C-alpha atoms as a PDB file:
ATOM      1  CA  MET A   1     -13.407  -0.877   4.634  1.00  0.00           C
ATOM      2  CA  LEU A   2     -11.899  -1.016   1.138  1.00  0.00           C
ATOM      3  CA  LEU A   3      -9.213  -3.551   0.220  1.00  0.00           C
ATOM      4  CA  LEU A   4      -6.814  -2.194  -2.387  1.00  0.00           C
ATOM      5  CA  ASP A   5      -5.960  -4.258  -5.455  1.00  0.00           C
ATOM      6  CA  TYR A   6      -2.519  -5.851  -5.597  1.00  0.00           C
ATOM      7  CA  GLN A   7      -2.265  -5.407  -9.370  1.00  0.00           C
ATOM      8  CA  ASN A   8      -2.262  -2.203 -11.379  1.00  0.00           C
ATOM      9  CA  VAL A   9      -5.807  -2.041 -12.720  1.00  0.00           C
ATOM     10  CA  LEU A  10      -5.022   0.316 -15.601  1.00  0.00           C
ATOM     11  CA  ILE A  11      -2.241  -1.925 -16.946  1.00  0.00           C
ATOM     12  CA  GLN A  12      -4.555  -4.896 -16.571  1.00  0.00           C
ATOM     13  CA  SER A  13      -7.275  -3.108 -18.528  1.00  0.00           C
ATOM     14  CA  ILE A  14      -4.975  -1.980 -21.363  1.00  0.00           C
ATOM     15  CA  LEU A  15      -3.347  -5.379 -21.845  1.00  0.00           C
ATOM     16  CA  THR A  16      -6.643  -7.264 -21.607  1.00  0.00           C
ATOM     17  CA  GLU A  17      -7.962  -5.142 -24.463  1.00  0.00           C
ATOM     18  CA  ARG A  18      -4.795  -5.616 -26.565  1.00  0.00           C
ATOM     19  CA  PHE A  19      -4.543  -9.367 -25.891  1.00  0.00           C
ATOM     20  CA  ALA A  20      -8.136 -10.082 -26.894  1.00  0.00           C
ATOM     21  CA  PRO A  21      -8.438 -12.396 -29.936  1.00  0.00           C
ATOM     22  CA  GLY A  22      -8.959 -10.352 -33.089  1.00  0.00           C
ATOM     23  CA  ALA A  23      -7.952  -7.033 -31.491  1.00  0.00           C
ATOM     24  CA  SER A  24      -6.283  -4.623 -33.922  1.00  0.00           C
ATOM     25  CA  PRO A  25      -2.783  -3.458 -32.898  1.00  0.00           C
ATOM     26  CA  THR A  26      -2.664   0.243 -32.036  1.00  0.00           C
ATOM     27  CA  SER A  27       0.015   2.632 -30.836  1.00  0.00           C
ATOM     28  CA  ILE A  28       0.363   3.061 -27.067  1.00  0.00           C
ATOM     29  CA  ASP A  29       2.286   5.703 -25.130  1.00  0.00           C
ATOM     30  CA  GLN A  30       0.928   5.983 -21.618  1.00  0.00           C
ATOM     31  CA  ILE A  31       2.535   6.741 -18.256  1.00  0.00           C
ATOM     32  CA  VAL A  32       0.797   5.178 -15.272  1.00  0.00           C
ATOM     33  CA  SER A  33       1.393   6.257 -11.679  1.00  0.00           C
ATOM     34  CA  ASP A  34       0.926   3.828  -8.828  1.00  0.00           C
ATOM     35  CA  PHE A  35       1.161   4.045  -5.034  1.00  0.00           C
ATOM     36  CA  ASP A  36       4.505   4.852  -3.350  1.00  0.00           C
ATOM     37  CA  GLY A  37       5.800   6.933  -6.263  1.00  0.00           C
ATOM     38  CA  VAL A  38       6.017   3.943  -8.609  1.00  0.00           C
ATOM     39  CA  THR A  39       5.740   4.772 -12.318  1.00  0.00           C
ATOM     40  CA  PHE A  40       4.963   2.546 -15.297  1.00  0.00           C
ATOM     41  CA  HIS A  41       5.398   3.348 -18.963  1.00  0.00           C
ATOM     42  CA  ILE A  42       3.411   1.360 -21.527  1.00  0.00           C
ATOM     43  CA  SER A  43       4.454   2.060 -25.106  1.00  0.00           C
ATOM     44  CA  THR A  44       4.977   0.619 -28.578  1.00  0.00           C
ATOM     45  CA  PRO A  45       8.348   2.184 -29.527  1.00  0.00           C
ATOM     46  CA  ILE A  46       9.301  -0.413 -32.166  1.00  0.00           C
ATOM     47  CA  ALA A  47       6.051  -1.568 -33.716  1.00  0.00           C
ATOM     48  CA  LYS A  48       2.354  -1.639 -32.898  1.00  0.00           C
ATOM     49  CA  THR A  49       2.594  -5.382 -32.271  1.00  0.00           C
ATOM     50  CA  GLN A  50       5.334  -5.052 -29.619  1.00  0.00           C
ATOM     51  CA  ILE A  51       4.302  -3.620 -26.251  1.00  0.00           C
ATOM     52  CA  LEU A  52       7.026  -2.400 -23.885  1.00  0.00           C
ATOM     53  CA  VAL A  53       6.130  -2.205 -20.178  1.00  0.00           C
ATOM     54  CA  SER A  54       8.675  -0.415 -17.981  1.00  0.00           C
ATOM     55  CA  LEU A  55       8.838   0.036 -14.205  1.00  0.00           C
ATOM     56  CA  SER A  56      10.467   2.767 -12.140  1.00  0.00           C
ATOM     57  CA  VAL A  57      10.596   2.305  -8.369  1.00  0.00           C
ATOM     58  CA  LYS A  58      12.611   4.355  -5.906  1.00  0.00           C
ATOM     59  CA  CYS A  59      13.969   1.380  -3.954  1.00  0.00           C
ATOM     60  CA  TYR A  60      14.970  -0.776  -6.940  1.00  0.00           C
ATOM     61  CA  HIS A  61      18.646  -0.921  -5.912  1.00  0.00           C
ATOM     62  CA  ASP A  62      17.600  -2.076  -2.437  1.00  0.00           C
ATOM     63  CA  LEU A  63      15.438  -4.762  -4.018  1.00  0.00           C
ATOM     64  CA  LEU A  64      18.325  -6.015  -6.170  1.00  0.00           C
ATOM     65  CA  GLN A  65      20.351  -6.638  -3.000  1.00  0.00           C
ATOM     66  CA  TYR A  66      17.622  -8.947  -1.718  1.00  0.00           C
ATOM     67  CA  GLY A  67      17.048 -11.062  -4.814  1.00  0.00           C
ATOM     68  CA  ALA A  68      14.683  -9.047  -7.025  1.00  0.00           C
ATOM     69  CA  GLU A  69      16.561 -10.075 -10.167  1.00  0.00           C
ATOM     70  CA  SER A  70      15.939 -13.789  -9.606  1.00  0.00           C
ATOM     71  CA  VAL A  71      12.269 -13.207  -8.710  1.00  0.00           C
ATOM     72  CA  LEU A  72      11.666 -11.121 -11.843  1.00  0.00           C
ATOM     73  CA  GLN A  73      13.516 -13.672 -13.964  1.00  0.00           C
ATOM     74  CA  ARG A  74      11.296 -16.406 -12.549  1.00  0.00           C
ATOM     75  CA  GLU A  75       8.099 -14.459 -13.253  1.00  0.00           C
ATOM     76  CA  TYR A  76       8.858 -12.919 -16.668  1.00  0.00           C
ATOM     77  CA  GLY A  77      11.689 -15.003 -18.164  1.00  0.00           C
ATOM     78  CA  ASN A  78      11.985 -14.481 -21.931  1.00  0.00           C
ATOM     79  CA  TYR A  79       9.876 -11.308 -21.849  1.00  0.00           C
ATOM     80  CA  ILE A  80      12.664  -9.390 -20.050  1.00  0.00           C
ATOM     81  CA  THR A  81      14.517  -6.856 -22.186  1.00  0.00           C
ATOM     82  CA  ASN A  82      17.007  -4.044 -21.611  1.00  0.00           C
ATOM     83  CA  PRO A  83      15.535  -1.367 -19.308  1.00  0.00           C
ATOM     84  CA  GLU A  84      14.068   1.660 -21.008  1.00  0.00           C
ATOM     85  CA  ALA A  85      15.959   4.914 -20.419  1.00  0.00           C
ATOM     86  CA  GLY A  86      14.820   6.443 -17.117  1.00  0.00           C
ATOM     87  CA  TYR A  87      13.305   3.183 -15.862  1.00  0.00           C
ATOM     88  CA  ASP A  88      14.646   0.289 -13.807  1.00  0.00           C
ATOM     89  CA  PHE A  89      13.090  -2.771 -15.440  1.00  0.00           C
ATOM     90  CA  SER A  90      11.335  -3.514 -18.738  1.00  0.00           C
ATOM     91  CA  ILE A  91       9.530  -6.385 -20.423  1.00  0.00           C
ATOM     92  CA  LEU A  92       8.624  -6.657 -24.106  1.00  0.00           C
ATOM     93  CA  ILE A  93       5.539  -8.548 -25.309  1.00  0.00           C
ATOM     94  CA  ASP A  94       5.128  -9.486 -28.962  1.00  0.00           C
ATOM     95  CA  LEU A  95       1.435  -9.708 -29.826  1.00  0.00           C
ATOM     96  CA  ASP A  96       2.238 -12.121 -32.658  1.00  0.00           C
ATOM     97  CA  GLN A  97       3.690 -14.617 -30.178  1.00  0.00           C
ATOM     98  CA  LEU A  98       1.047 -14.616 -27.464  1.00  0.00           C
ATOM     99  CA  PRO A  99      -0.151 -17.924 -25.975  1.00  0.00           C
ATOM    100  CA  ASP A 100      -2.959 -19.561 -27.886  1.00  0.00           C
ATOM    101  CA  SER A 101      -5.444 -20.205 -25.078  1.00  0.00           C
ATOM    102  CA  VAL A 102      -7.504 -17.458 -23.437  1.00  0.00           C
ATOM    103  CA  GLU A 103      -6.577 -18.750 -19.983  1.00  0.00           C
ATOM    104  CA  GLU A 104      -2.843 -18.425 -20.673  1.00  0.00           C
ATOM    105  CA  ARG A 105      -3.311 -14.901 -22.006  1.00  0.00           C
ATOM    106  CA  GLU A 106      -5.267 -13.909 -18.892  1.00  0.00           C
ATOM    107  CA  GLU A 107      -2.524 -15.362 -16.709  1.00  0.00           C
ATOM    108  CA  LEU A 108       0.098 -13.348 -18.611  1.00  0.00           C
ATOM    109  CA  VAL A 109      -1.939 -10.154 -18.147  1.00  0.00           C
ATOM    110  CA  ARG A 110      -2.242 -10.915 -14.438  1.00  0.00           C
ATOM    111  CA  ARG A 111       1.505 -11.421 -14.026  1.00  0.00           C
ATOM    112  CA  ILE A 112       2.379  -8.224 -15.895  1.00  0.00           C
ATOM    113  CA  SER A 113      -0.121  -6.174 -13.876  1.00  0.00           C
ATOM    114  CA  LEU A 114       1.592  -7.535 -10.724  1.00  0.00           C
ATOM    115  CA  LEU A 115       4.997  -6.215 -11.814  1.00  0.00           C
ATOM    116  CA  LYS A 116       5.427  -3.887  -8.840  1.00  0.00           C
ATOM    117  CA  ARG A 117       4.138  -6.497  -6.411  1.00  0.00           C
ATOM    118  CA  ASN A 118       6.572  -9.114  -7.702  1.00  0.00           C
ATOM    119  CA  ALA A 119       9.556  -6.762  -7.551  1.00  0.00           C
ATOM    120  CA  MET A 120       8.684  -5.741  -3.986  1.00  0.00           C
ATOM    121  CA  ALA A 121       8.157  -9.388  -2.995  1.00  0.00           C
ATOM    122  CA  ALA A 122      11.884 -10.224  -3.236  1.00  0.00           C
ATOM    123  CA  PRO A 123      12.943  -9.203   0.316  1.00  0.00           C
ATOM    124  CA  PHE A 124       9.864 -10.886   1.804  1.00  0.00           C
ATOM    125  CA  GLU A 125      10.604 -14.138  -0.009  1.00  0.00           C
ATOM    126  CA  LYS A 126      14.215 -13.921   1.145  1.00  0.00           C
ATOM    127  CA  ALA A 127      13.107 -13.384   4.755  1.00  0.00           C
ATOM    128  CA  PHE A 128      10.663 -16.306   4.581  1.00  0.00           C
ATOM    129  CA  ASP A 129      13.403 -18.576   3.220  1.00  0.00           C
ATOM    130  CA  GLU A 130      15.750 -17.428   5.990  1.00  0.00           C
ATOM    131  CA  PHE A 131      13.057 -18.217   8.548  1.00  0.00           C
ATOM    132  CA  SER A 132      12.741 -21.764   7.203  1.00  0.00           C
ATOM    133  CA  SER A 133      16.507 -22.225   7.342  1.00  0.00           C
ATOM    134  CA  LEU A 134      16.791 -20.860  10.890  1.00  0.00           C
ATOM    135  CA  ALA A 135      13.806 -22.900  12.074  1.00  0.00           C
ATOM    136  CA  GLU A 136      15.425 -26.062  10.697  1.00  0.00           C
ATOM    137  CA  GLU A 137      18.708 -25.289  12.461  1.00  0.00           C
ATOM    138  CA  ALA A 138      16.973 -24.344  15.717  1.00  0.00           C
ATOM    139  CA  SER A 139      15.114 -27.672  15.790  1.00  0.00           C
ATOM    140  CA  HIS A 140      18.407 -29.404  16.583  1.00  0.00           C
ATOM    141  CA  TYR A 141      18.988 -27.356  19.753  1.00  0.00           C
ATOM    142  CA  THR A 142      17.229 -26.390  22.951  1.00  0.00           C
ATOM    143  CA  SER A 143      16.485 -22.728  23.534  1.00  0.00           C
ATOM    144  CA  GLU A 144      19.456 -22.517  25.918  1.00  0.00           C
ATOM    145  CA  SER A 145      21.993 -24.296  23.720  1.00  0.00           C
ATOM    146  CA  ALA A 146      21.162 -22.676  20.385  1.00  0.00           C
ATOM    147  CA  PRO A 147      24.073 -20.727  18.845  1.00  0.00           C
ATOM    148  CA  GLN A 148      23.932 -16.956  19.058  1.00  0.00           C
ATOM    149  CA  GLY A 149      23.341 -16.552  15.322  1.00  0.00           C
ATOM    150  CA  ILE A 150      20.177 -18.645  15.523  1.00  0.00           C
ATOM    151  CA  GLN A 151      18.905 -16.853  18.619  1.00  0.00           C
ATOM    152  CA  GLU A 152      19.447 -13.365  17.179  1.00  0.00           C
ATOM    153  CA  GLY A 153      18.229 -14.136  13.674  1.00  0.00           C
ATOM    154  CA  LYS A 154      19.348 -12.599  10.398  1.00  0.00           C
ATOM    155  CA  GLN A 155      20.285  -9.005   9.687  1.00  0.00           C
ATOM    156  CA  VAL A 156      17.544  -6.442   9.156  1.00  0.00           C
ATOM    157  CA  MET A 157      16.731  -5.748   5.491  1.00  0.00           C
ATOM    158  CA  ALA A 158      15.806  -2.109   4.787  1.00  0.00           C
ATOM    159  CA  ILE A 159      13.722  -1.072   1.774  1.00  0.00           C
ATOM    160  CA  HIS A 160      13.606   2.729   1.418  1.00  0.00           C
ATOM    161  CA  TYR A 161      10.585   2.853  -0.849  1.00  0.00           C
ATOM    162  CA  ARG A 162       9.523   6.438  -0.056  1.00  0.00           C
ATOM    163  CA  GLU A 163      11.371   9.693   0.622  1.00  0.00           C
ATOM    164  CA  GLU A 164      11.190   9.478   4.421  1.00  0.00           C
ATOM    165  CA  GLU A 165       9.671   6.056   4.970  1.00  0.00           C
ATOM    166  CA  ALA A 166      10.991   2.510   4.827  1.00  0.00           C
ATOM    167  CA  ILE A 167      10.093  -1.136   5.382  1.00  0.00           C
ATOM    168  CA  TYR A 168      12.357  -3.190   7.641  1.00  0.00           C
ATOM    169  CA  ILE A 169      12.256  -6.993   7.559  1.00  0.00           C
ATOM    170  CA  LYS A 170      14.026  -9.386   9.908  1.00  0.00           C
ATOM    171  CA  ALA A 171      13.871 -13.177   9.944  1.00  0.00           C
ATOM    172  CA  SER A 172      14.238 -15.190  13.150  1.00  0.00           C
ATOM    173  CA  HIS A 173      13.927 -18.885  13.889  1.00  0.00           C
ATOM    174  CA  ASP A 174      10.363 -18.510  15.181  1.00  0.00           C
ATOM    175  CA  ARG A 175       8.998 -15.429  13.365  1.00  0.00           C
ATOM    176  CA  VAL A 176       9.464 -12.792  10.693  1.00  0.00           C
ATOM    177  CA  THR A 177       9.183  -9.185  11.851  1.00  0.00           C
ATOM    178  CA  VAL A 178       8.052  -6.508   9.400  1.00  0.00           C
ATOM    179  CA  ILE A 179       8.303  -2.876  10.493  1.00  0.00           C
ATOM    180  CA  PHE A 180       6.843   0.091   8.604  1.00  0.00           C
ATOM    181  CA  SER A 181       8.108   3.579   9.371  1.00  0.00           C
ATOM    182  CA  THR A 182       5.487   6.140   8.389  1.00  0.00           C
ATOM    183  CA  ILE A 183       5.139   9.905   8.583  1.00  0.00           C
ATOM    184  CA  PHE A 184       2.112  11.655  10.076  1.00  0.00           C
ATOM    185  CA  ARG A 185       2.052  15.122   8.569  1.00  0.00           C
ATOM    186  CA  ASP A 186      -0.369  16.578  11.089  1.00  0.00           C
ATOM    187  CA  GLU A 187      -1.866  15.821  14.482  1.00  0.00           C
ATOM    188  CA  THR A 188      -5.179  14.656  13.027  1.00  0.00           C
ATOM    189  CA  ASP A 189      -3.501  11.943  10.953  1.00  0.00           C
ATOM    190  CA  ARG A 190      -1.671  10.673  14.024  1.00  0.00           C
ATOM    191  CA  ILE A 191      -4.919  10.445  16.025  1.00  0.00           C
ATOM    192  CA  PHE A 192      -6.734   8.622  13.228  1.00  0.00           C
ATOM    193  CA  GLY A 193      -3.751   6.312  12.812  1.00  0.00           C
ATOM    194  CA  LYS A 194      -3.790   5.300  16.469  1.00  0.00           C
ATOM    195  CA  VAL A 195      -7.528   4.581  16.283  1.00  0.00           C
ATOM    196  CA  PHE A 196      -7.069   2.338  13.237  1.00  0.00           C
ATOM    197  CA  LEU A 197      -4.132   0.484  14.747  1.00  0.00           C
ATOM    198  CA  GLN A 198      -6.037  -0.073  17.976  1.00  0.00           C
ATOM    199  CA  GLU A 199      -8.741  -1.723  15.876  1.00  0.00           C
ATOM    200  CA  PHE A 200      -6.117  -4.111  14.499  1.00  0.00           C
ATOM    201  CA  VAL A 201      -5.130  -5.017  18.051  1.00  0.00           C
ATOM    202  CA  ASP A 202      -8.729  -5.368  19.286  1.00  0.00           C
ATOM    203  CA  ALA A 203      -9.768  -7.480  16.280  1.00  0.00           C
ATOM    204  CA  ARG A 204      -7.030  -9.980  17.093  1.00  0.00           C
ATOM    205  CA  ARG A 205      -8.171 -10.143  20.720  1.00  0.00           C
ATOM    206  CA  ARG A 206     -11.863 -10.500  19.913  1.00  0.00           C
ATOM    207  CA  ALA A 207     -12.198 -12.826  16.961  1.00  0.00           C
ATOM    208  CA  ILE A 208      -9.174 -13.219  14.699  1.00  0.00           C
ATOM    209  CA  GLN A 209      -6.783 -15.171  16.871  1.00  0.00           C
ATOM    210  CA  ASN A 210      -4.657 -16.209  13.893  1.00  0.00           C
ATOM    211  CA  ALA A 211      -3.941 -12.626  12.819  1.00  0.00           C
ATOM    212  CA  PRO A 212      -0.378 -11.263  13.103  1.00  0.00           C
ATOM    213  CA  GLN A 213       0.529  -9.304  16.197  1.00  0.00           C
ATOM    214  CA  VAL A 214       0.479  -5.542  15.544  1.00  0.00           C
ATOM    215  CA  LEU A 215       2.437  -3.000  17.608  1.00  0.00           C
ATOM    216  CA  PHE A 216       2.733   0.772  17.271  1.00  0.00           C
ATOM    217  CA  ARG A 217       5.268   3.129  18.807  1.00  0.00           C
ATOM    218  CA  SER A 218       6.764   6.543  18.076  1.00  0.00           C
ATOM    219  CA  ASP A 219      10.377   5.524  18.750  1.00  0.00           C
ATOM    220  CA  PRO A 220      12.356   2.867  16.824  1.00  0.00           C
ATOM    221  CA  PRO A 221      11.713  -0.729  17.990  1.00  0.00           C
ATOM    222  CA  LEU A 222      14.534  -2.806  19.434  1.00  0.00           C
ATOM    223  CA  GLU A 223      15.137  -4.471  16.061  1.00  0.00           C
ATOM    224  CA  LEU A 224      16.133  -1.083  14.616  1.00  0.00           C
ATOM    225  CA  GLN A 225      18.285   0.158  17.468  1.00  0.00           C
ATOM    226  CA  GLY A 226      21.650   1.311  16.153  1.00  0.00           C
ATOM    227  CA  MET A 227      20.691   1.225  12.458  1.00  0.00           C
ATOM    228  CA  LYS A 228      21.939   4.152  10.430  1.00  0.00           C
ATOM    229  CA  GLY A 229      19.353   6.578   9.107  1.00  0.00           C
ATOM    230  CA  VAL A 230      16.454   5.384  11.249  1.00  0.00           C
ATOM    231  CA  GLY A 231      16.623   8.346  13.615  1.00  0.00           C
ATOM    232  CA  LYS A 232      17.094  10.886  10.827  1.00  0.00           C
ATOM    233  CA  THR A 233      13.647  10.497   9.307  1.00  0.00           C
ATOM    234  CA  GLY A 234      10.590  12.480  10.202  1.00  0.00           C
ATOM    235  CA  GLU A 235      11.879  16.050   9.882  1.00  0.00           C
ATOM    236  CA  LYS A 236       8.656  17.083   8.097  1.00  0.00           C
ATOM    237  CA  GLY A 237       6.256  15.352  10.460  1.00  0.00           C
ATOM    238  CA  GLU A 238       5.953  12.948  13.354  1.00  0.00           C
ATOM    239  CA  ILE A 239       7.206   9.477  12.598  1.00  0.00           C
ATOM    240  CA  GLY A 240       5.629   6.239  13.779  1.00  0.00           C
ATOM    241  CA  PHE A 241       6.759   2.617  13.630  1.00  0.00           C
ATOM    242  CA  ILE A 242       4.195  -0.118  12.963  1.00  0.00           C
ATOM    243  CA  THR A 243       5.386  -3.672  13.639  1.00  0.00           C
ATOM    244  CA  PHE A 244       3.845  -6.858  12.275  1.00  0.00           C
ATOM    245  CA  VAL A 245       4.974 -10.129  13.808  1.00  0.00           C
ATOM    246  CA  LEU A 246       4.424 -13.034  11.407  1.00  0.00           C
ATOM    247  CA  PHE A 247       4.424 -16.426  13.108  1.00  0.00           C
ATOM    248  CA  PRO A 248       5.042 -19.851  11.520  1.00  0.00           C
ATOM    249  CA  ARG A 249       1.353 -20.255  10.659  1.00  0.00           C
ATOM    250  CA  HIS A 250       1.638 -17.189   8.410  1.00  0.00           C
ATOM    251  CA  LEU A 251       4.804 -18.418   6.722  1.00  0.00           C
ATOM    252  CA  SER A 252       3.702 -21.776   5.376  1.00  0.00           C
ATOM    253  CA  PRO A 253       4.354 -22.324   1.641  1.00  0.00           C
ATOM    254  CA  GLN A 254       0.604 -22.355   0.976  1.00  0.00           C
ATOM    255  CA  ARG A 255       0.085 -18.886   2.497  1.00  0.00           C
ATOM    256  CA  ARG A 256       3.286 -17.065   1.624  1.00  0.00           C
ATOM    257  CA  ALA A 257       2.217 -15.465  -1.655  1.00  0.00           C
ATOM    258  CA  GLU A 258      -1.068 -14.138  -0.292  1.00  0.00           C
ATOM    259  CA  ASN A 259       0.509 -12.797   2.893  1.00  0.00           C
ATOM    260  CA  ILE A 260       3.256 -11.050   0.922  1.00  0.00           C
ATOM    261  CA  SER A 261       0.605  -9.341  -1.199  1.00  0.00           C
ATOM    262  CA  HIS A 262      -1.422  -8.338   1.861  1.00  0.00           C
ATOM    263  CA  ILE A 263       1.427  -6.852   3.860  1.00  0.00           C
ATOM    264  CA  GLN A 264       2.846  -4.933   0.888  1.00  0.00           C
ATOM    265  CA  THR A 265      -0.331  -2.890   0.591  1.00  0.00           C
ATOM    266  CA  PHE A 266      -0.556  -2.043   4.301  1.00  0.00           C
ATOM    267  CA  ARG A 267       0.944   1.444   4.123  1.00  0.00           C
ATOM    268  CA  ASP A 268      -1.267   2.459   1.199  1.00  0.00           C
ATOM    269  CA  TYR A 269      -4.319   0.905   2.860  1.00  0.00           C
ATOM    270  CA  PHE A 270      -3.520   2.660   6.146  1.00  0.00           C
ATOM    271  CA  HIS A 271      -3.107   6.201   4.820  1.00  0.00           C
ATOM    272  CA  TYR A 272      -5.901   5.800   2.263  1.00  0.00           C
ATOM    273  CA  HIS A 273      -8.388   5.082   5.022  1.00  0.00           C
ATOM    274  CA  ILE A 274      -7.092   7.946   7.165  1.00  0.00           C
ATOM    275  CA  LYS A 275      -7.789  10.359   4.281  1.00  0.00           C
ATOM    276  CA  ALA A 276     -11.134   8.703   3.510  1.00  0.00           C
ATOM    277  CA  SER A 277     -12.237   9.007   7.150  1.00  0.00           C
ATOM    278  CA  LYS A 278     -11.279  12.678   7.288  1.00  0.00           C
ATOM    279  CA  ALA A 279     -13.206  13.329   4.080  1.00  0.00           C
ATOM    280  CA  TYR A 280     -16.227  11.435   5.449  1.00  0.00           C
ATOM    281  CA  ILE A 281     -16.181  13.388   8.714  1.00  0.00           C
ATOM    282  CA  HIS A 282     -15.903  16.690   6.834  1.00  0.00           C
ATOM    283  CA  SER A 283     -18.858  15.784   4.617  1.00  0.00           C
ATOM    284  CA  ARG A 284     -20.879  14.784   7.687  1.00  0.00           C
ATOM    285  CA  MET A 285     -19.977  18.071   9.369  1.00  0.00           C
ATOM    286  CA  ARG A 286     -21.109  20.024   6.317  1.00  0.00           C
ATOM    287  CA  ARG A 287     -24.373  18.081   6.220  1.00  0.00           C
ATOM    288  CA  ARG A 288     -24.985  18.624   9.945  1.00  0.00           C
ATOM    289  CA  THR A 289     -24.243  22.331   9.576  1.00  0.00           C
ATOM    290  CA  ALA A 290     -26.759  22.583   6.744  1.00  0.00           C
ATOM    291  CA  ASP A 291     -29.345  20.770   8.898  1.00  0.00           C
ATOM    292  CA  PHE A 292     -28.762  23.153  11.810  1.00  0.00           C
ATOM    293  CA  LEU A 293     -29.143  26.160   9.526  1.00  0.00           C
ATOM    294  CA  GLN A 294     -32.473  24.823   8.308  1.00  0.00           C
ATOM    295  CA  VAL A 295     -33.653  24.414  11.904  1.00  0.00           C
ATOM    296  CA  LEU A 296     -32.547  27.937  12.775  1.00  0.00           C
ATOM    297  CA  ASN A 297     -34.232  29.377   9.715  1.00  0.00           C
ATOM    298  CA  ARG A 298     -37.498  27.654  10.637  1.00  0.00           C
ATOM    299  CA  ALA A 299     -37.261  28.924  14.208  1.00  0.00           C
ATOM    300  CA  ARG A 300     -36.705  32.534  13.166  1.00  0.00           C
ATOM    301  CA  PRO A 301     -39.869  34.620  13.895  1.00  0.00           C
ATOM    302  CA  GLU A 302     -41.505  36.099  10.847  1.00  0.00           C
ATOM    303  CA  ASN A 303     -41.745  39.891  10.611  1.00  0.00           C
ATOM    304  CA  GLU A 304     -45.395  40.917  10.496  1.00  0.00           C
ATOM    305  CA  GLU A 305     -46.430  44.257   9.200  1.00  0.00           C
ATOM    306  CA  LYS A 306     -49.397  45.929  10.953  1.00  0.00           C
ATOM    307  CA  GLU A 307     -51.418  48.943   9.952  1.00  0.00           C
ATOM    308  CA  ARG A 308     -51.736  51.756  12.490  1.00  0.00           C
ATOM    309  CA  LYS A 309     -53.593  55.051  12.273  1.00  0.00           C
ATOM    310  CA  THR A 310     -52.648  58.401  13.677  1.00  0.00           C
ATOM    311  CA  ALA A 311     -55.056  60.700  15.489  1.00  0.00           C
ATOM    312  CA  SER A 312     -55.585  62.615  12.265  1.00  0.00           C
ATOM    313  CA  GLY A 313     -56.625  59.400  10.458  1.00  0.00           C
ATOM    314  CA  ARG A 314     -53.402  58.810   8.457  1.00  0.00           C
ATOM    315  CA  THR A 315     -52.422  55.160   8.007  1.00  0.00           C
ATOM    316  CA  PHE A 316     -48.815  53.811   8.365  1.00  0.00           C
ATOM    317  CA  ARG A 317     -47.218  50.331   8.647  1.00  0.00           C
ATOM    318  CA  VAL A 318     -45.031  48.991  11.452  1.00  0.00           C
ATOM    319  CA  GLN A 319     -43.146  45.658  11.689  1.00  0.00           C
ATOM    320  CA  GLY A 320     -44.053  43.415  14.629  1.00  0.00           C
END
């Protein structure tokens, strides 16, 4: 099992090199692709000492509806500048005004490399805050007397981060539900996916009792019934819905940031391991085929040539 990094490693590497004490400023013009069709552009359009980092993400307008602007302002503050043409969000770092201490520079590199993660965190933070508010209101009522709004929870937030896939988040007074819609392009992917998801379920039963509940189904869950666009996805493959149920123990202030990072990477983690497993099985099949061919070649009888003589004394060879 391989856990994917939350940050963009290439951005982290480039900025670490440029932020090092005594490093000479150099021109940069590099486009970096990340998971889910996200694109970064790192450049020095004004001067070698001013690095512009821009982000393009398909669902940026969805994220703005759920508070991405305030989250990005909190994380990047004075570094925010006007978005570069063709991109949704940009920050500008002046190398002449970097923090003095090495620790502060490393923290700045870490925050910039988490740009996508922080933008995508906005709807999750909003849902977690709504859960806290609903839980506080629900504590004043019994389960029978609670108003309908508390019982039903908040509206579902939809983040259409890929062409045919989305993340749906809904806060309730006792949980936060996160639903991934994902496309299985062929039958093999669907089979592998079910095996992986069953492992999630079995792991929770066997040893990890505190893990979120995981459900998988091929039709939209009840939380998505009646939502526009949910039933129109999946024309190019079979669609599946993976539901994570986060309980209060997962939503504590001490665990929120880590859990947001974990759940964001689920789709990439899921499909990455499906592809890795298929590649591993194919390599094993090729190796086994080569082994079988060696066995067959060793078992093949060797052709022996024997000398025979005719009645007249002439010699000729025959293969045995």
